[in-house]
Amino acid sequence: MTEDRTIEYSPLSGPVTQAGITVDVKIFRFLGTGDPWTLEVVDHEGGSTVWDETFLTEHAAYEAFRNALAQEGIGSFVMPPETRH
């Protein structure tokens, strides 16, 4: 039997826009568990980038996002458009 669990989102979650591109930063964990935080970035088409590691604090998760943003740019979170031939 699987128990339904409620997801808790950090207030640090939300849209981030850079160079005209907006992504949705999601920092979450199961409510009331004390579990580490998970970091996911979702692009405008629903493409998702999820970190393999988890984070002890929501601030550490957000810092990991900010570091990736600074190093790789926001375009690294956007899925390339589908090419049709």
C-alpha atoms as a PDB file:
ATOM      1  CA  MET A   1       0.000   0.000   0.000  1.00  0.00           C
ATOM      2  CA  THR A   2       1.385   3.383  -1.031  1.00  0.00           C
ATOM      3  CA  GLU A   3       0.602   6.345   1.180  1.00  0.00           C
ATOM      4  CA  ASP A   4      -0.282   9.643  -0.514  1.00  0.00           C
ATOM      5  CA  ARG A   5       2.230  12.275   0.494  1.00  0.00           C
ATOM      6  CA  THR A   6       1.963  16.035   0.190  1.00  0.00           C
ATOM      7  CA  ILE A   7       4.760  17.948  -1.466  1.00  0.00           C
ATOM      8  CA  GLU A   8       6.088  21.065   0.226  1.00  0.00           C
ATOM      9  CA  TYR A   9       7.455  23.764  -2.103  1.00  0.00           C
ATOM     10  CA  SER A  10      10.053  26.257  -0.927  1.00  0.00           C
ATOM     11  CA  PRO A  11       9.180  29.951  -1.166  1.00  0.00           C
ATOM     12  CA  LEU A  12      12.419  30.206  -3.184  1.00  0.00           C
ATOM     13  CA  SER A  13      10.607  28.373  -5.997  1.00  0.00           C
ATOM     14  CA  GLY A  14       9.206  30.366  -8.881  1.00  0.00           C
ATOM     15  CA  PRO A  15       9.889  31.820 -12.290  1.00  0.00           C
ATOM     16  CA  VAL A  16      13.314  33.203 -13.209  1.00  0.00           C
ATOM     17  CA  THR A  17      13.828  35.231 -16.374  1.00  0.00           C
ATOM     18  CA  GLN A  18      17.142  36.011 -18.049  1.00  0.00           C
ATOM     19  CA  ALA A  19      17.808  37.169 -21.617  1.00  0.00           C
ATOM     20  CA  GLY A  20      14.089  36.926 -22.415  1.00  0.00           C
ATOM     21  CA  ILE A  21      13.887  33.257 -21.357  1.00  0.00           C
ATOM     22  CA  THR A  22      11.793  32.216 -18.356  1.00  0.00           C
ATOM     23  CA  VAL A  23      12.157  28.948 -16.466  1.00  0.00           C
ATOM     24  CA  ASP A  24      10.302  27.710 -13.399  1.00  0.00           C
ATOM     25  CA  VAL A  25      12.569  26.792 -10.475  1.00  0.00           C
ATOM     26  CA  LYS A  26      11.023  24.127  -8.239  1.00  0.00           C
ATOM     27  CA  ILE A  27      12.567  23.342  -4.858  1.00  0.00           C
ATOM     28  CA  PHE A  28      10.539  20.732  -2.984  1.00  0.00           C
ATOM     29  CA  ARG A  29      10.377  17.831  -0.541  1.00  0.00           C
ATOM     30  CA  PHE A  30       7.726  15.725   1.159  1.00  0.00           C
ATOM     31  CA  LEU A  31       5.874  17.747   3.797  1.00  0.00           C
ATOM     32  CA  GLY A  32       6.718  17.070   7.425  1.00  0.00           C
ATOM     33  CA  THR A  33       9.472  14.537   6.781  1.00  0.00           C
ATOM     34  CA  GLY A  34      12.648  16.558   7.170  1.00  0.00           C
ATOM     35  CA  ASP A  35      13.810  14.963   3.903  1.00  0.00           C
ATOM     36  CA  PRO A  36      16.410  16.841   1.867  1.00  0.00           C
ATOM     37  CA  TRP A  37      15.279  19.246  -0.846  1.00  0.00           C
ATOM     38  CA  THR A  38      15.077  18.371  -4.555  1.00  0.00           C
ATOM     39  CA  LEU A  39      15.863  20.922  -7.281  1.00  0.00           C
ATOM     40  CA  GLU A  40      14.113  20.921 -10.656  1.00  0.00           C
ATOM     41  CA  VAL A  41      14.061  23.542 -13.414  1.00  0.00           C
ATOM     42  CA  VAL A  42      11.202  23.397 -15.947  1.00  0.00           C
ATOM     43  CA  ASP A  43      11.300  25.245 -19.280  1.00  0.00           C
ATOM     44  CA  HIS A  44       8.378  26.845 -21.137  1.00  0.00           C
ATOM     45  CA  GLU A  45       7.592  23.605 -22.973  1.00  0.00           C
ATOM     46  CA  GLY A  46       7.644  21.390 -19.899  1.00  0.00           C
ATOM     47  CA  GLY A  47      11.197  20.097 -20.381  1.00  0.00           C
ATOM     48  CA  SER A  48      12.730  19.301 -17.016  1.00  0.00           C
ATOM     49  CA  THR A  49      16.232  19.402 -15.547  1.00  0.00           C
ATOM     50  CA  VAL A  50      16.485  17.626 -12.181  1.00  0.00           C
ATOM     51  CA  TRP A  51      19.628  17.570 -10.059  1.00  0.00           C
ATOM     52  CA  ASP A  52      20.822  14.077  -9.068  1.00  0.00           C
ATOM     53  CA  GLU A  53      21.906  15.327  -5.678  1.00  0.00           C
ATOM     54  CA  THR A  54      19.556  16.533  -2.961  1.00  0.00           C
ATOM     55  CA  PHE A  55      20.173  19.456  -0.631  1.00  0.00           C
ATOM     56  CA  LEU A  56      20.038  19.820   3.154  1.00  0.00           C
ATOM     57  CA  THR A  57      18.522  23.291   2.885  1.00  0.00           C
ATOM     58  CA  GLU A  58      16.323  25.040   0.349  1.00  0.00           C
ATOM     59  CA  HIS A  59      18.913  27.828   0.199  1.00  0.00           C
ATOM     60  CA  ALA A  60      21.619  25.328  -0.834  1.00  0.00           C
ATOM     61  CA  ALA A  61      19.340  24.105  -3.626  1.00  0.00           C
ATOM     62  CA  TYR A  62      18.720  27.641  -4.856  1.00  0.00           C
ATOM     63  CA  GLU A  63      22.441  28.391  -4.717  1.00  0.00           C
ATOM     64  CA  ALA A  64      23.100  25.333  -6.920  1.00  0.00           C
ATOM     65  CA  PHE A  65      20.613  26.720  -9.445  1.00  0.00           C
ATOM     66  CA  ARG A  66      22.230  30.190  -9.321  1.00  0.00           C
ATOM     67  CA  ASN A  67      25.691  28.657  -9.838  1.00  0.00           C
ATOM     68  CA  ALA A  68      24.503  26.671 -12.873  1.00  0.00           C
ATOM     69  CA  LEU A  69      22.796  29.787 -14.227  1.00  0.00           C
ATOM     70  CA  ALA A  70      25.987  31.842 -13.847  1.00  0.00           C
ATOM     71  CA  GLN A  71      28.222  29.164 -15.383  1.00  0.00           C
ATOM     72  CA  GLU A  72      26.022  27.810 -18.175  1.00  0.00           C
ATOM     73  CA  GLY A  73      23.354  30.462 -18.786  1.00  0.00           C
ATOM     74  CA  ILE A  74      19.609  30.085 -18.804  1.00  0.00           C
ATOM     75  CA  GLY A  75      19.669  28.513 -22.280  1.00  0.00           C
ATOM     76  CA  SER A  76      21.155  25.366 -20.769  1.00  0.00           C
ATOM     77  CA  PHE A  77      17.765  24.675 -19.156  1.00  0.00           C
ATOM     78  CA  VAL A  78      15.757  25.031 -22.369  1.00  0.00           C
ATOM     79  CA  MET A  79      15.094  21.974 -24.460  1.00  0.00           C
ATOM     80  CA  PRO A  80      16.153  22.445 -28.113  1.00  0.00           C
ATOM     81  CA  PRO A  81      13.249  22.825 -30.543  1.00  0.00           C
ATOM     82  CA  GLU A  82      12.173  19.696 -32.368  1.00  0.00           C
ATOM     83  CA  THR A  83      13.606  19.467 -35.888  1.00  0.00           C
ATOM     84  CA  ARG A  84      11.485  17.993 -38.641  1.00  0.00           C
ATOM     85  CA  HIS A  85      12.786  16.942 -42.035  1.00  0.00           C
END
